[in-house]
């Protein structure tokens, strides 16, 4: 009997990311049976780059760090893609966003050309030559899609916003802090903008709290910003005029090196559940994770005071364990969370693996999540 129980536990641990630690958490998330990446690099798709006039194999090097949204009854994943140029340095490629569409959330058909990329427009000074990186996406109740992404000009990474009504035609609104207080934070590194959502009538949409939209953003700490229109944002500051981290690295834990906002947080009955990416520093963190390993954590914030941290997990709920999660551009391993959707009664969580591919885990919806 003991042997049978042990076998069952081993079986469950293989398909599960991590048992639920807190009652308020989203999940538990399970890997598919015989889990494998759902989006991988390919050499067969070409694109005429408007910045250089060259035909480029735009997703030949890496396809990773995905946003996700449900549209027309299908899951749409917007993923970061890099072309193979010979060099291996992370951050040394040009990034564009591709799109893949799925009827079940697991098997995808990909567009042959990127749907969002640097071009000769009013954002080229911020997007060229590094590109457009690491998207998150939400939908408003009116059906407008709001994309947050990193503009990388190889000088300063800047968090920016774009909007669309169809996921194909985009209006770029530029760096979110460019005009705030005469550009006080415009030249300060910013990225990873995760706008708070809520699940109503089976659909995730951007949520207002106290008449405002809220966004968790940043790395190596997570900060807050607010907006009335999802385009113009104001960082939350204290009485001294300084940004206040609402989530920070913790010595002794899996998130000892850095924390970074993940997919759009969800407003639940318990509060705002923030899924975040966590980097480990082996010297002051968790020994068996190794240095620079990215895993996933969850934190709970007050539904009425989004800056107030109520609870936080002690262990990662997902971490790199499978070969494709630990091989590629980033061999230390990543399960880098960026896309979360509610689809046909199931939470689907999309993540980047080793800065190279896209994976997915799922969880059947439960009341209060």
Protein backbone atom coordinates (compact mmCIF):
# COMPACT_ATOMS: atom_id res chain seq x y z
CA UNK A 1 0.00 0.00 0.00
CA UNK A 2 2.82 2.39 0.89
CA UNK A 3 4.47 1.66 -2.46
CA UNK A 4 1.21 2.44 -4.30
CA UNK A 5 0.81 5.74 -2.45
CA UNK A 6 4.40 6.67 -3.29
CA UNK A 7 3.82 5.95 -6.96
CA UNK A 8 0.66 8.08 -6.96
CA UNK A 9 2.52 10.97 -5.35
CA UNK A 10 5.34 10.71 -7.87
CA UNK A 11 2.79 10.67 -10.72
CA UNK A 12 1.00 13.74 -9.40
CA UNK A 13 4.22 15.64 -8.81
CA UNK A 14 5.29 15.00 -12.40
CA UNK A 15 2.23 16.66 -13.87
CA UNK A 16 1.74 19.30 -11.21
CA UNK A 17 3.80 22.43 -10.77
CA UNK A 18 3.37 22.81 -7.03
CA UNK A 19 0.66 21.99 -4.50
CA UNK A 20 -1.49 24.89 -3.35
CA UNK A 21 0.08 26.67 -0.42
CA UNK A 22 -2.63 29.28 0.29
CA UNK A 23 -6.40 29.13 -0.11
CA UNK A 24 -6.51 32.44 -2.02
CA UNK A 25 -4.08 31.35 -4.74
CA UNK A 26 -5.03 30.78 -8.34
CA UNK A 27 -4.56 27.14 -9.29
CA UNK A 28 -3.26 24.59 -8.70
CA UNK A 29 -1.76 24.65 -12.17
CA UNK A 30 -0.95 21.37 -13.91
CA UNK A 31 1.34 20.66 -16.82
CA UNK A 32 -0.26 18.79 -19.72
CA UNK A 33 0.49 15.09 -19.98
CA UNK A 34 3.76 14.68 -21.91
CA UNK A 35 4.25 18.43 -21.63
CA UNK A 36 6.14 20.11 -24.45
CA UNK A 37 6.49 23.66 -25.74
CA UNK A 38 3.49 24.96 -27.66
CA UNK A 39 5.43 27.59 -29.67
CA UNK A 40 9.03 27.08 -30.82
CA UNK A 41 11.42 28.93 -33.15
CA UNK A 42 11.14 28.25 -36.86
CA UNK A 43 13.16 29.24 -39.93
CA UNK A 44 10.39 29.08 -42.52
CA UNK A 45 8.63 32.39 -41.83
CA UNK A 46 10.04 35.57 -43.35
CA UNK A 47 9.18 39.22 -43.01
CA UNK A 48 10.29 42.36 -44.85
CA UNK A 49 11.64 44.59 -42.11
CA UNK A 50 10.45 48.18 -42.68
CA UNK A 51 13.46 49.59 -40.80
CA UNK A 52 16.15 47.99 -42.96
CA UNK A 53 14.35 46.80 -46.09
CA UNK A 54 15.81 43.32 -45.51
CA UNK A 55 13.87 40.07 -45.53
CA UNK A 56 14.40 38.54 -42.10
CA UNK A 57 13.63 35.17 -40.53
CA UNK A 58 11.96 37.00 -37.70
CA UNK A 59 11.32 34.05 -35.35
CA UNK A 60 14.31 31.84 -36.11
CA UNK A 61 16.21 32.44 -32.86
CA UNK A 62 13.59 32.39 -30.11
CA UNK A 63 9.83 32.54 -29.45
CA UNK A 64 9.01 33.25 -25.81
CA UNK A 65 7.44 35.49 -23.13
CA UNK A 66 3.77 35.38 -24.25
CA UNK A 67 0.74 37.53 -23.56
CA UNK A 68 -2.69 35.94 -24.00
CA UNK A 69 -6.27 37.05 -24.56
CA UNK A 70 -9.56 35.39 -25.57
CA UNK A 71 -11.17 36.78 -28.73
CA UNK A 72 -14.01 35.33 -30.82
CA UNK A 73 -14.06 32.18 -28.73
CA UNK A 74 -10.37 31.40 -29.30
CA UNK A 75 -7.16 31.96 -27.36
CA UNK A 76 -4.81 34.44 -28.98
CA UNK A 77 -1.20 34.36 -27.79
CA UNK A 78 1.10 37.29 -28.59
CA UNK A 79 4.68 36.13 -28.19
CA UNK A 80 8.08 37.76 -28.39
CA UNK A 81 10.17 36.54 -31.33
CA UNK A 82 13.83 37.07 -32.18
CA UNK A 83 15.69 36.40 -35.41
CA UNK A 84 18.94 34.42 -35.50
CA UNK A 85 21.80 36.77 -36.28
CA UNK A 86 24.76 34.70 -35.14
CA UNK A 87 25.38 36.29 -31.77
CA UNK A 88 24.10 34.65 -28.60
CA UNK A 89 23.97 37.62 -26.26
CA UNK A 90 20.60 38.06 -24.55
CA UNK A 91 19.23 41.48 -25.44
CA UNK A 92 21.38 41.65 -28.57
CA UNK A 93 18.64 40.71 -31.04
CA UNK A 94 15.66 42.54 -32.49
CA UNK A 95 12.33 41.54 -30.95
CA UNK A 96 8.93 41.59 -32.64
CA UNK A 97 5.58 40.21 -31.53
CA UNK A 98 4.00 37.28 -33.32
CA UNK A 99 0.49 35.90 -32.87
CA UNK A 100 -0.78 32.33 -32.58
CA UNK A 101 -4.44 31.29 -32.34
CA UNK A 102 -5.97 28.21 -30.72
CA UNK A 103 -9.43 26.69 -30.46
CA UNK A 104 -8.49 24.70 -27.34
CA UNK A 105 -5.71 26.72 -25.73
CA UNK A 106 -3.05 24.07 -26.34
CA UNK A 107 -2.65 23.58 -30.11
CA UNK A 108 -1.88 26.76 -32.02
CA UNK A 109 -1.84 28.01 -35.60
CA UNK A 110 0.68 30.81 -36.08
CA UNK A 111 0.60 33.92 -38.21
CA UNK A 112 3.37 33.99 -40.80
CA UNK A 113 4.36 37.60 -40.09
CA UNK A 114 4.67 39.58 -36.85
CA UNK A 115 1.68 41.67 -35.86
CA UNK A 116 3.59 44.27 -33.81
CA UNK A 117 7.12 45.52 -34.46
CA UNK A 118 9.43 48.54 -34.82
CA UNK A 119 8.79 50.62 -37.90
CA UNK A 120 9.38 54.12 -39.21
CA UNK A 121 6.87 55.78 -36.90
CA UNK A 122 6.90 58.17 -33.96
CA UNK A 123 8.18 55.41 -31.64
CA UNK A 124 11.25 54.30 -33.59
CA UNK A 125 13.62 56.28 -31.33
CA UNK A 126 12.50 54.08 -28.44
CA UNK A 127 12.09 50.75 -30.30
CA UNK A 128 15.02 50.51 -32.67
CA UNK A 129 17.18 48.50 -32.82
CA UNK A 130 16.22 46.30 -29.86
CA UNK A 131 12.54 46.05 -30.70
CA UNK A 132 9.26 45.41 -28.92
CA UNK A 133 9.47 42.97 -26.03
CA UNK A 134 7.60 41.10 -23.29
CA UNK A 135 3.90 41.92 -23.84
CA UNK A 136 0.97 41.78 -21.45
CA UNK A 137 -2.56 42.39 -22.68
CA UNK A 138 -6.01 43.18 -21.27
CA UNK A 139 -9.42 43.96 -22.75
CA UNK A 140 -11.78 46.71 -21.65
CA UNK A 141 -15.50 46.21 -21.18
CA UNK A 142 -15.95 48.14 -24.43
CA UNK A 143 -13.81 45.66 -26.35
CA UNK A 144 -10.59 47.69 -26.67
CA UNK A 145 -7.36 45.71 -26.35
CA UNK A 146 -4.62 47.37 -24.31
CA UNK A 147 -1.07 46.12 -24.78
CA UNK A 148 1.78 46.94 -22.42
CA UNK A 149 5.26 46.10 -23.67
CA UNK A 150 8.91 47.05 -23.36
CA UNK A 151 10.49 49.38 -25.91
CA UNK A 152 14.18 48.57 -26.25
CA UNK A 153 16.49 50.97 -28.11
CA UNK A 154 19.62 49.44 -26.54
CA UNK A 155 19.88 52.43 -24.23
CA UNK A 156 16.96 52.46 -21.77
CA UNK A 157 14.15 49.85 -21.62
CA UNK A 158 10.84 51.70 -21.33
CA UNK A 159 7.36 50.47 -20.57
CA UNK A 160 4.92 51.54 -23.30
CA UNK A 161 1.23 51.18 -24.22
CA UNK A 162 -0.54 50.42 -27.50
CA UNK A 163 -4.24 49.85 -28.24
CA UNK A 164 -6.21 47.96 -30.86
CA UNK A 165 -9.76 46.94 -31.67
CA UNK A 166 -8.79 43.81 -33.59
CA UNK A 167 -5.29 42.71 -32.40
CA UNK A 168 -3.90 43.54 -35.84
CA UNK A 169 -4.10 47.29 -36.29
CA UNK A 170 -2.32 49.03 -33.42
CA UNK A 171 -2.01 52.59 -32.21
CA UNK A 172 1.21 53.15 -30.29
CA UNK A 173 0.90 55.65 -27.45
CA UNK A 174 4.54 55.64 -26.46
CA UNK A 175 6.38 55.38 -23.13
CA UNK A 176 3.91 55.58 -20.27
CA UNK A 177 5.91 58.04 -18.16
CA UNK A 178 7.22 60.30 -20.93
CA UNK A 179 5.03 63.30 -20.07
CA UNK A 180 4.41 62.73 -16.36
CA UNK A 181 6.06 65.42 -14.20
CA UNK A 182 8.21 66.59 -17.12
CA UNK A 183 9.52 63.08 -17.71
CA UNK A 184 10.69 62.42 -14.15
CA UNK A 185 10.86 58.64 -14.78
CA UNK A 186 11.13 58.70 -18.57
CA UNK A 187 14.81 57.77 -18.58
CA UNK A 188 14.52 55.31 -15.69
CA UNK A 189 14.33 51.62 -16.62
CA UNK A 190 10.73 50.38 -16.62
CA UNK A 191 9.08 47.22 -17.91
CA UNK A 192 6.54 44.47 -17.18
CA UNK A 193 3.22 46.31 -16.91
CA UNK A 194 0.46 44.08 -15.49
CA UNK A 195 -2.98 45.75 -15.41
CA UNK A 196 -5.49 44.49 -12.83
CA UNK A 197 -8.42 42.53 -14.26
CA UNK A 198 -11.60 40.95 -12.92
CA UNK A 199 -13.62 37.92 -13.99
CA UNK A 200 -17.28 38.72 -14.67
CA UNK A 201 -19.75 36.62 -16.62
CA UNK A 202 -16.94 34.31 -17.66
CA UNK A 203 -14.76 37.06 -19.11
CA UNK A 204 -11.60 38.79 -17.88
CA UNK A 205 -11.62 42.55 -18.37
CA UNK A 206 -9.66 45.49 -17.00
CA UNK A 207 -10.97 46.40 -13.53
CA UNK A 208 -11.46 49.75 -11.85
CA UNK A 209 -10.79 50.20 -8.14
CA UNK A 210 -11.83 53.49 -6.55
CA UNK A 211 -12.50 54.87 -10.03
CA UNK A 212 -9.03 54.05 -11.40
CA UNK A 213 -7.22 51.34 -13.29
CA UNK A 214 -4.20 49.90 -11.51
CA UNK A 215 -1.00 48.42 -12.86
CA UNK A 216 1.76 46.50 -11.11
CA UNK A 217 5.04 46.97 -12.94
CA UNK A 218 8.80 46.88 -12.71
CA UNK A 219 11.90 44.92 -11.75
CA UNK A 220 13.82 44.21 -9.45
CA UNK A 221 11.00 45.57 -7.29
CA UNK A 222 7.33 45.84 -8.21
CA UNK A 223 5.76 49.30 -8.14
CA UNK A 224 2.24 50.62 -8.77
CA UNK A 225 0.75 53.05 -11.26
CA UNK A 226 -2.80 54.31 -11.84
CA UNK A 227 -4.72 55.52 -14.87
CA UNK A 228 -8.15 56.84 -15.77
CA UNK A 229 -7.99 55.77 -19.42
CA UNK A 230 -5.38 52.92 -19.55
CA UNK A 231 -3.12 55.10 -21.71
CA UNK A 232 -1.89 57.89 -19.44
CA UNK A 233 -0.33 56.52 -16.25
CA UNK A 234 0.86 58.00 -12.96
CA UNK A 235 3.33 56.20 -10.68
CA UNK A 236 2.15 55.84 -7.10
CA UNK A 237 4.45 57.93 -4.91
CA UNK A 238 4.70 58.65 -1.21
CA UNK A 239 4.56 62.07 0.47
CA UNK A 240 8.23 62.64 -0.36
CA UNK A 241 7.62 62.18 -4.07
CA UNK A 242 9.31 58.80 -4.35
CA UNK A 243 8.01 55.58 -5.85
CA UNK A 244 7.15 52.97 -3.23
CA UNK A 245 7.92 49.29 -3.92
CA UNK A 246 4.90 47.16 -3.07
CA UNK A 247 6.75 43.85 -3.56
CA UNK A 248 10.49 43.32 -3.09
CA UNK A 249 13.06 40.49 -3.15
CA UNK A 250 13.43 38.45 0.07
CA UNK A 251 16.74 37.00 1.26
CA UNK A 252 16.28 33.35 2.14
CA UNK A 253 13.55 32.67 -0.42
CA UNK A 254 13.12 31.73 -4.07
CA UNK A 255 12.63 35.43 -4.90
CA UNK A 256 15.87 36.62 -3.26
CA UNK A 257 17.38 38.22 -6.38
CA UNK A 258 14.46 40.04 -7.99
CA UNK A 259 10.70 40.15 -8.41
CA UNK A 260 8.90 41.19 -11.60
CA UNK A 261 5.22 41.60 -12.41
CA UNK A 262 3.75 38.64 -14.31
CA UNK A 263 0.46 38.40 -16.23
CA UNK A 264 -2.45 40.76 -15.53
CA UNK A 265 -3.44 40.32 -11.85
CA UNK A 266 -6.95 39.18 -10.95
CA UNK A 267 -9.33 40.89 -8.53
CA UNK A 268 -10.97 38.10 -6.50
CA UNK A 269 -13.15 37.74 -3.41
CA UNK A 270 -9.97 37.56 -1.33
CA UNK A 271 -8.19 40.53 -2.90
CA UNK A 272 -5.90 41.16 -5.86
CA UNK A 273 -3.93 38.04 -6.76
CA UNK A 274 -0.62 38.99 -8.39
CA UNK A 275 1.31 36.26 -10.15
CA UNK A 276 4.94 37.35 -10.29
CA UNK A 277 8.25 36.23 -11.69
CA UNK A 278 10.95 35.54 -9.14
CA UNK A 279 14.72 35.36 -9.59
CA UNK A 280 16.88 33.43 -7.16
CA UNK A 281 20.32 34.35 -5.82
CA UNK A 282 21.79 31.11 -4.54
CA UNK A 283 24.10 32.81 -2.06
CA UNK A 284 21.25 34.46 -0.15
CA UNK A 285 18.26 32.55 -1.51
CA UNK A 286 17.44 28.89 -2.13
CA UNK A 287 20.47 26.64 -2.62
CA UNK A 288 18.85 23.97 -4.79
CA UNK A 289 17.39 26.45 -7.28
CA UNK A 290 20.73 27.81 -8.48
CA UNK A 291 21.63 31.35 -9.45
CA UNK A 292 19.39 33.40 -11.75
CA UNK A 293 16.71 30.72 -11.97
CA UNK A 294 13.26 32.22 -12.64
CA UNK A 295 10.29 30.64 -10.91
CA UNK A 296 6.75 31.86 -10.21
CA UNK A 297 5.23 33.27 -7.03
CA UNK A 298 1.84 34.62 -5.99
CA UNK A 299 1.03 37.56 -3.73
CA UNK A 300 -2.28 38.84 -2.37
CA UNK A 301 -2.99 42.57 -2.16
CA UNK A 302 -5.94 44.43 -0.68
CA UNK A 303 -8.89 44.93 -3.04
CA UNK A 304 -9.42 48.47 -1.73
CA UNK A 305 -5.79 49.44 -1.10
CA UNK A 306 -3.82 47.86 -3.97
CA UNK A 307 -0.50 48.83 -2.40
CA UNK A 308 -1.22 46.84 0.77
CA UNK A 309 0.37 43.37 0.74
CA UNK A 310 -1.81 40.90 2.65
CA UNK A 311 -0.06 37.59 2.03
CA UNK A 312 2.65 35.96 -0.05
CA UNK A 313 3.71 32.42 -0.85
CA UNK A 314 6.76 30.90 0.78
CA UNK A 315 7.50 28.52 -2.11
CA UNK A 316 7.28 28.89 -5.91
CA UNK A 317 4.09 27.46 -7.41
CA UNK A 318 5.88 26.81 -10.69
CA UNK A 319 9.57 26.41 -11.52
CA UNK A 320 11.73 25.02 -14.34
CA UNK A 321 11.83 21.24 -14.14
CA UNK A 322 11.44 19.94 -17.70
CA UNK A 323 14.26 19.94 -20.27
CA UNK A 324 12.66 22.59 -22.52
CA UNK A 325 12.33 24.90 -19.50
CA UNK A 326 16.06 24.72 -18.86
CA UNK A 327 17.59 24.78 -22.32
CA UNK A 328 18.00 27.59 -24.81
CA UNK A 329 19.24 31.16 -24.51
CA UNK A 330 18.86 31.06 -20.74
CA UNK A 331 20.19 27.68 -19.56
CA UNK A 332 19.67 28.48 -15.87
CA UNK A 333 15.98 27.94 -16.59
CA UNK A 334 12.82 30.05 -16.58
CA UNK A 335 9.09 29.66 -16.22
CA UNK A 336 8.50 33.32 -17.03
CA UNK A 337 4.81 34.14 -16.58
CA UNK A 338 3.12 36.70 -18.83
CA UNK A 339 -0.19 35.38 -20.19
CA UNK A 340 -3.30 34.38 -18.21
CA UNK A 341 -6.78 33.72 -19.62
CA UNK A 342 -10.02 32.19 -18.42
CA UNK A 343 -11.21 29.88 -21.18
CA UNK A 344 -14.10 27.40 -21.10
CA UNK A 345 -14.02 27.03 -17.32
CA UNK A 346 -10.25 26.75 -17.08
CA UNK A 347 -7.39 29.08 -16.20
CA UNK A 348 -4.64 28.85 -18.82
CA UNK A 349 -1.27 30.28 -17.84
CA UNK A 350 1.30 30.87 -20.59
CA UNK A 351 4.98 31.30 -19.86
CA UNK A 352 8.35 31.69 -21.54
CA UNK A 353 10.92 28.92 -21.16
CA UNK A 354 14.65 29.69 -21.02
CA UNK A 355 14.10 32.80 -23.21
CA UNK A 356 13.48 30.40 -26.10
CA UNK A 357 10.00 28.81 -26.23
CA UNK A 358 6.44 29.03 -24.87
CA UNK A 359 4.80 26.64 -22.42
CA UNK A 360 1.35 26.36 -20.83
CA UNK A 361 -0.15 25.05 -17.60
CA UNK A 362 -3.83 24.91 -16.68
CA UNK A 363 -6.20 24.88 -13.72
CA UNK A 364 -9.92 24.17 -13.53
CA UNK A 365 -11.76 27.22 -12.20
CA UNK A 366 -12.94 27.16 -8.62
CA UNK A 367 -15.34 29.50 -6.82
CA UNK A 368 -13.62 32.62 -5.52
CA UNK A 369 -10.62 32.35 -7.83
